[in-house]
Amino acid sequence: MLVGVTFPADESTSPLEFGRWAEAHGVESIWFHEHSHIPVSRETPFPGGQPLAPQYLRFPDPFVCLAAIATVTETVRLGTGLCLLTQRDPITTAKEAATLDVLSGGRFVFGVGAGWNAEEMRNHGTDPAHRFAVLCERVDAIRTIWTNDEAEFHGRYVDFAQIWSWPKPLQRPNPPILLAGDGPKSGDRALRHGDGWITNAGVTPHDVLIERARAVQERARAAGRPPLPITIFSAPYDVARLRELAEVGVVRVVTSLRPTVHDEPDPTRLRRFMDVVAEVEQELAA
């Protein structure tokens, strides 16, 4: 299992220091969240029913931060976790993401999601009722731009005639596109439109998550495809649960270290998590 960490917010240690710290401590990937803003109305409840954590008001731009981290690191992978593509122009985002992949030497991982905050989506002109269809079309359009010198796309929500757009990503045919979601159809969307699936163990009960992962892997096999790589956010610090997740196709587990304001992340917490993952790998190899 690969180990990733998420960056909390702009009041924590700087993104550059976090990137250096994460690479020095041997993590495989760093993941930056995205919310362009949080509407003050707070009409939409946070998924899972928990209170909205203060850092959600303070997420920096993920592409700017990851590009900066790329200049001070060499090996750690750089992921959006998640890019809210329902709130972004796909042509601009395709160029931004491809540029980051080139700048980082092919280390970008494109985690995308539809988002959960209805008012935030509306402020960007997206009808929340159509967000999953918008997400899938924009993913397909971006992949088309990345893989064609003269790209065109004609859908319900994205429509453009032939365009030129460079740079193309360094990773060919494209950086991994991981569709995120915690609902019953999210794995199938990832199977149809992505290269992997991101889901959140802090939102979906463990048994439900395992059942959904098994189901999507069965559909992948039935279609003659390899297993769908799954990334888990809010991964449990539990050997038995991580082993069950690995057995259904989870290849990466991501944890938030939640450093306090202006403090470094806690290496003790990260080491404990990495030790748990190592124990799972030993059991699976036995």
Protein backbone atom coordinates (compact mmCIF):
# COMPACT_ATOMS: atom_id res chain seq x y z
CA MET A 1 0.00 0.00 0.00
CA LEU A 2 1.16 3.49 -0.82
CA VAL A 3 0.93 6.13 1.92
CA GLY A 4 -0.23 9.67 1.28
CA VAL A 5 -0.80 12.69 3.49
CA THR A 6 -3.12 15.67 3.12
CA PHE A 7 -2.30 19.31 3.76
CA PRO A 8 -4.76 21.01 6.13
CA ALA A 9 -4.90 24.77 5.46
CA ASP A 10 -3.07 28.06 5.13
CA GLU A 11 -2.61 28.52 8.88
CA SER A 12 -0.50 25.38 9.17
CA THR A 13 3.15 25.08 8.23
CA SER A 14 3.85 26.44 4.75
CA PRO A 15 3.18 24.22 1.72
CA LEU A 16 6.88 24.28 0.82
CA GLU A 17 7.92 23.12 4.27
CA PHE A 18 5.17 20.51 4.27
CA GLY A 19 6.35 19.18 0.91
CA ARG A 20 9.96 18.91 2.06
CA TRP A 21 8.85 17.31 5.34
CA ALA A 22 6.62 14.74 3.64
CA GLU A 23 9.26 13.68 1.14
CA ALA A 24 11.90 13.41 3.86
CA HIS A 25 9.58 11.14 5.88
CA GLY A 26 9.07 8.74 2.99
CA VAL A 27 5.46 9.30 2.00
CA GLU A 28 4.45 8.46 -1.55
CA SER A 29 2.11 11.40 -2.18
CA ILE A 30 0.86 14.76 -0.93
CA TRP A 31 -2.77 15.76 -1.46
CA PHE A 32 -4.22 19.27 -1.48
CA HIS A 33 -7.93 19.89 -0.99
CA GLU A 34 -9.90 22.54 -2.86
CA HIS A 35 -12.70 24.90 -1.93
CA SER A 36 -12.68 28.20 -3.78
CA HIS A 37 -14.83 29.56 -0.94
CA ILE A 38 -17.39 28.47 1.63
CA PRO A 39 -20.72 30.33 1.46
CA VAL A 40 -21.51 31.99 4.78
CA SER A 41 -25.12 30.75 4.60
CA ARG A 42 -23.96 27.20 5.52
CA GLU A 43 -27.21 25.75 4.18
CA THR A 44 -25.55 22.54 2.98
CA PRO A 45 -24.53 20.26 5.87
CA PHE A 46 -21.08 18.73 5.91
CA PRO A 47 -21.04 15.08 4.77
CA GLY A 48 -21.39 12.61 7.60
CA GLY A 49 -23.11 15.13 9.82
CA GLN A 50 -19.97 16.42 11.52
CA PRO A 51 -19.41 20.15 12.13
CA LEU A 52 -17.50 21.94 9.39
CA ALA A 53 -13.82 21.99 10.38
CA PRO A 54 -12.31 25.52 10.47
CA GLN A 55 -9.65 24.67 7.87
CA TYR A 56 -12.36 24.36 5.20
CA LEU A 57 -12.53 28.16 5.20
CA ARG A 58 -8.82 28.44 4.49
CA PHE A 59 -7.72 26.01 1.77
CA PRO A 60 -5.10 27.57 -0.53
CA ASP A 61 -5.20 26.95 -4.28
CA PRO A 62 -4.02 23.37 -4.86
CA PHE A 63 -2.36 23.87 -8.24
CA VAL A 64 -0.30 26.85 -7.11
CA CYS A 65 0.83 25.02 -3.96
CA LEU A 66 1.66 21.77 -5.75
CA ALA A 67 3.63 23.62 -8.42
CA ALA A 68 5.64 25.33 -5.70
CA ILE A 69 6.26 22.00 -3.92
CA ALA A 70 7.39 20.46 -7.22
CA THR A 71 10.33 22.88 -7.27
CA VAL A 72 11.65 21.78 -3.84
CA THR A 73 11.03 18.01 -4.05
CA GLU A 74 12.13 15.21 -6.35
CA THR A 75 10.12 12.04 -5.79
CA VAL A 76 6.89 12.63 -3.89
CA ARG A 77 3.74 12.49 -6.02
CA LEU A 78 1.51 15.57 -6.10
CA GLY A 79 -2.24 15.07 -5.94
CA THR A 80 -5.37 17.16 -5.95
CA GLY A 81 -7.62 15.70 -3.31
CA LEU A 82 -9.88 16.95 -4.63
CA CYS A 83 -10.06 19.32 -7.58
CA LEU A 84 -13.72 20.38 -7.69
CA LEU A 85 -14.04 20.11 -11.43
CA THR A 86 -17.73 20.98 -11.35
CA GLN A 87 -16.60 24.50 -10.40
CA ARG A 88 -13.83 24.86 -13.00
CA ASP A 89 -13.48 25.52 -16.71
CA PRO A 90 -12.22 22.26 -18.25
CA ILE A 91 -10.04 23.86 -20.94
CA THR A 92 -8.22 26.07 -18.43
CA THR A 93 -7.91 23.22 -15.95
CA ALA A 94 -6.50 20.88 -18.61
CA LYS A 95 -3.69 23.36 -19.31
CA GLU A 96 -3.07 24.06 -15.61
CA ALA A 97 -2.85 20.36 -14.73
CA ALA A 98 -0.71 19.46 -17.75
CA THR A 99 1.69 22.29 -16.91
CA LEU A 100 1.99 20.98 -13.34
CA ASP A 101 2.72 17.48 -14.63
CA VAL A 102 5.49 18.77 -16.88
CA LEU A 103 6.93 21.03 -14.18
CA SER A 104 6.99 18.18 -11.64
CA GLY A 105 8.61 15.68 -13.99
CA GLY A 106 5.46 13.57 -14.32
CA ARG A 107 4.45 13.38 -10.65
CA PHE A 108 0.91 14.75 -10.83
CA VAL A 109 -2.17 12.73 -9.78
CA PHE A 110 -5.50 14.28 -10.81
CA GLY A 111 -8.04 13.58 -8.08
CA VAL A 112 -11.39 15.13 -9.01
CA GLY A 113 -14.77 15.35 -7.37
CA ALA A 114 -18.23 16.81 -7.81
CA GLY A 115 -18.27 18.54 -4.43
CA TRP A 116 -20.85 18.55 -1.66
CA ASN A 117 -21.65 22.23 -1.04
CA ALA A 118 -24.66 23.16 -3.16
CA GLU A 119 -24.36 26.92 -2.63
CA GLU A 120 -20.68 26.85 -3.60
CA MET A 121 -21.54 25.07 -6.87
CA ARG A 122 -24.33 27.52 -7.66
CA ASN A 123 -21.93 30.43 -7.20
CA HIS A 124 -19.88 28.89 -10.02
CA GLY A 125 -22.95 28.45 -12.24
CA THR A 126 -23.38 24.69 -11.73
CA ASP A 127 -26.75 23.17 -10.90
CA PRO A 128 -26.10 20.75 -8.01
CA ALA A 129 -28.71 18.37 -9.43
CA HIS A 130 -26.47 17.84 -12.50
CA ARG A 131 -23.09 17.87 -10.78
CA PHE A 132 -22.15 14.24 -11.49
CA ALA A 133 -22.98 14.53 -15.18
CA VAL A 134 -21.01 17.78 -15.34
CA LEU A 135 -18.06 16.13 -13.58
CA CYS A 136 -17.94 13.17 -15.95
CA GLU A 137 -18.18 15.31 -19.09
CA ARG A 138 -15.44 17.64 -17.90
CA VAL A 139 -13.20 14.67 -17.07
CA ASP A 140 -13.78 13.22 -20.53
CA ALA A 141 -13.12 16.61 -22.14
CA ILE A 142 -9.84 17.09 -20.27
CA ARG A 143 -8.66 13.62 -21.24
CA THR A 144 -9.53 14.46 -24.85
CA ILE A 145 -7.47 17.67 -24.69
CA TRP A 146 -4.52 15.85 -23.15
CA THR A 147 -4.45 13.03 -25.69
CA ASN A 148 -5.14 14.85 -28.97
CA ASP A 149 -3.14 17.51 -30.78
CA GLU A 150 -6.38 18.83 -32.25
CA ALA A 151 -9.04 18.18 -29.64
CA GLU A 152 -12.76 18.61 -29.91
CA PHE A 153 -15.60 17.65 -27.60
CA HIS A 154 -19.35 17.82 -27.98
CA GLY A 155 -21.46 17.08 -24.94
CA ARG A 156 -24.38 18.53 -23.06
CA TYR A 157 -22.26 20.54 -20.60
CA VAL A 158 -18.97 20.85 -22.50
CA ASP A 159 -18.90 21.73 -26.18
CA PHE A 160 -15.99 22.97 -28.25
CA ALA A 161 -14.74 22.54 -31.81
CA GLN A 162 -11.13 21.65 -32.60
CA ILE A 163 -8.57 23.39 -30.39
CA TRP A 164 -4.81 23.41 -29.89
CA SER A 165 -3.68 23.25 -26.30
CA TRP A 166 -0.15 22.69 -25.03
CA PRO A 167 1.72 21.57 -23.03
CA LYS A 168 0.55 18.01 -23.01
CA PRO A 169 1.18 16.08 -19.77
CA LEU A 170 4.51 14.36 -19.40
CA GLN A 171 2.75 11.16 -18.26
CA ARG A 172 1.31 9.38 -21.26
CA PRO A 173 -1.40 8.94 -22.20
CA ASN A 174 -2.33 11.10 -19.21
CA PRO A 175 -1.76 11.58 -15.49
CA PRO A 176 -3.93 9.21 -13.43
CA ILE A 177 -7.45 10.59 -13.19
CA LEU A 178 -9.05 9.44 -9.94
CA LEU A 179 -12.77 10.13 -9.61
CA ALA A 180 -13.88 10.64 -6.04
CA GLY A 181 -17.18 9.89 -4.42
CA ASP A 182 -18.81 8.19 -1.46
CA GLY A 183 -22.21 7.32 -2.88
CA PRO A 184 -23.41 3.96 -4.21
CA LYS A 185 -22.69 4.92 -7.85
CA SER A 186 -19.29 6.54 -7.31
CA GLY A 187 -17.24 3.43 -8.02
CA ASP A 188 -19.06 2.84 -11.29
CA ARG A 189 -18.41 6.45 -12.37
CA ALA A 190 -14.73 5.96 -11.65
CA LEU A 191 -14.73 2.72 -13.62
CA ARG A 192 -16.36 4.38 -16.64
CA HIS A 193 -14.54 7.70 -16.68
CA GLY A 194 -11.40 7.41 -14.55
CA ASP A 195 -8.19 5.53 -13.93
CA GLY A 196 -9.02 4.98 -10.28
CA TRP A 197 -11.45 5.73 -7.48
CA ILE A 198 -11.05 7.86 -4.34
CA THR A 199 -13.44 7.30 -1.47
CA ASN A 200 -13.49 8.36 2.17
CA ALA A 201 -13.42 5.89 5.04
CA GLY A 202 -14.47 8.68 7.38
CA VAL A 203 -17.76 9.10 5.54
CA THR A 204 -18.71 5.58 4.42
CA PRO A 205 -19.10 2.79 7.01
CA HIS A 206 -16.35 0.19 6.64
CA ASP A 207 -18.63 -2.74 5.74
CA VAL A 208 -20.44 -0.66 3.12
CA LEU A 209 -17.15 0.51 1.63
CA ILE A 210 -15.88 -3.08 1.37
CA GLU A 211 -19.12 -4.23 -0.27
CA ARG A 212 -19.03 -1.42 -2.83
CA ALA A 213 -15.37 -2.03 -3.62
CA ARG A 214 -15.99 -5.75 -4.17
CA ALA A 215 -18.92 -4.95 -6.44
CA VAL A 216 -16.98 -2.54 -8.63
CA GLN A 217 -14.08 -4.99 -8.93
CA GLU A 218 -16.51 -7.68 -10.05
CA ARG A 219 -17.82 -5.36 -12.74
CA ALA A 220 -14.27 -4.58 -13.82
CA ARG A 221 -13.53 -8.31 -14.17
CA ALA A 222 -16.77 -8.88 -16.07
CA ALA A 223 -15.72 -6.18 -18.52
CA GLY A 224 -12.30 -7.80 -19.01
CA ARG A 225 -10.53 -4.96 -17.26
CA PRO A 226 -7.85 -5.01 -14.55
CA PRO A 227 -8.87 -4.20 -10.97
CA LEU A 228 -9.75 -0.56 -10.39
CA PRO A 229 -7.07 1.07 -8.20
CA ILE A 230 -8.72 2.54 -5.11
CA THR A 231 -7.39 5.33 -2.90
CA ILE A 232 -8.83 5.73 0.60
CA PHE A 233 -8.91 9.07 2.40
CA SER A 234 -9.28 9.20 6.21
CA ALA A 235 -7.76 5.72 6.26
CA PRO A 236 -8.14 3.82 9.54
CA TYR A 237 -5.16 3.15 11.81
CA ASP A 238 -6.25 -0.47 12.06
CA VAL A 239 -4.43 -3.51 10.67
CA ALA A 240 -7.51 -5.69 10.20
CA ARG A 241 -9.47 -3.00 8.37
CA LEU A 242 -6.57 -1.98 6.19
CA ARG A 243 -5.99 -5.62 5.26
CA GLU A 244 -9.63 -5.95 4.19
CA LEU A 245 -9.29 -2.78 2.14
CA ALA A 246 -6.15 -4.06 0.44
CA GLU A 247 -7.93 -7.30 -0.45
CA VAL A 248 -10.61 -5.38 -2.40
CA GLY A 249 -8.20 -3.29 -4.45
CA VAL A 250 -7.13 -0.39 -2.22
CA VAL A 251 -3.62 0.55 -3.35
CA ARG A 252 -3.17 3.87 -1.51
CA VAL A 253 -4.19 5.06 1.96
CA VAL A 254 -4.17 8.75 2.82
CA THR A 255 -4.18 10.29 6.27
CA SER A 256 -4.47 13.86 7.53
CA LEU A 257 -1.86 14.73 10.13
CA ARG A 258 -3.75 17.89 11.15
CA PRO A 259 -0.85 19.99 12.50
CA THR A 260 -1.75 22.85 14.77
CA VAL A 261 -1.43 26.44 13.62
CA HIS A 262 2.06 27.11 12.20
CA ASP A 263 3.41 23.84 13.62
CA GLU A 264 5.01 21.00 11.70
CA PRO A 265 3.04 17.76 11.29
CA ASP A 266 3.64 15.14 13.94
CA PRO A 267 6.20 12.58 12.72
CA THR A 268 5.17 10.21 15.53
CA ARG A 269 1.63 10.00 14.19
CA LEU A 270 2.88 9.45 10.64
CA ARG A 271 5.32 6.75 11.76
CA ARG A 272 2.54 4.96 13.64
CA PHE A 273 0.39 4.99 10.51
CA MET A 274 3.24 3.77 8.31
CA ASP A 275 3.98 0.98 10.80
CA VAL A 276 0.35 -0.16 10.58
CA VAL A 277 0.54 -0.19 6.78
CA ALA A 278 3.83 -2.12 6.89
CA GLU A 279 2.23 -4.74 9.14
CA VAL A 280 -0.61 -5.17 6.65
CA GLU A 281 1.86 -5.64 3.81
CA GLN A 282 3.74 -8.27 5.81
CA GLU A 283 0.53 -10.18 6.49
CA LEU A 284 -0.49 -10.08 2.83
CA ALA A 285 2.95 -11.27 1.72
CA ALA A 286 2.98 -14.20 4.19
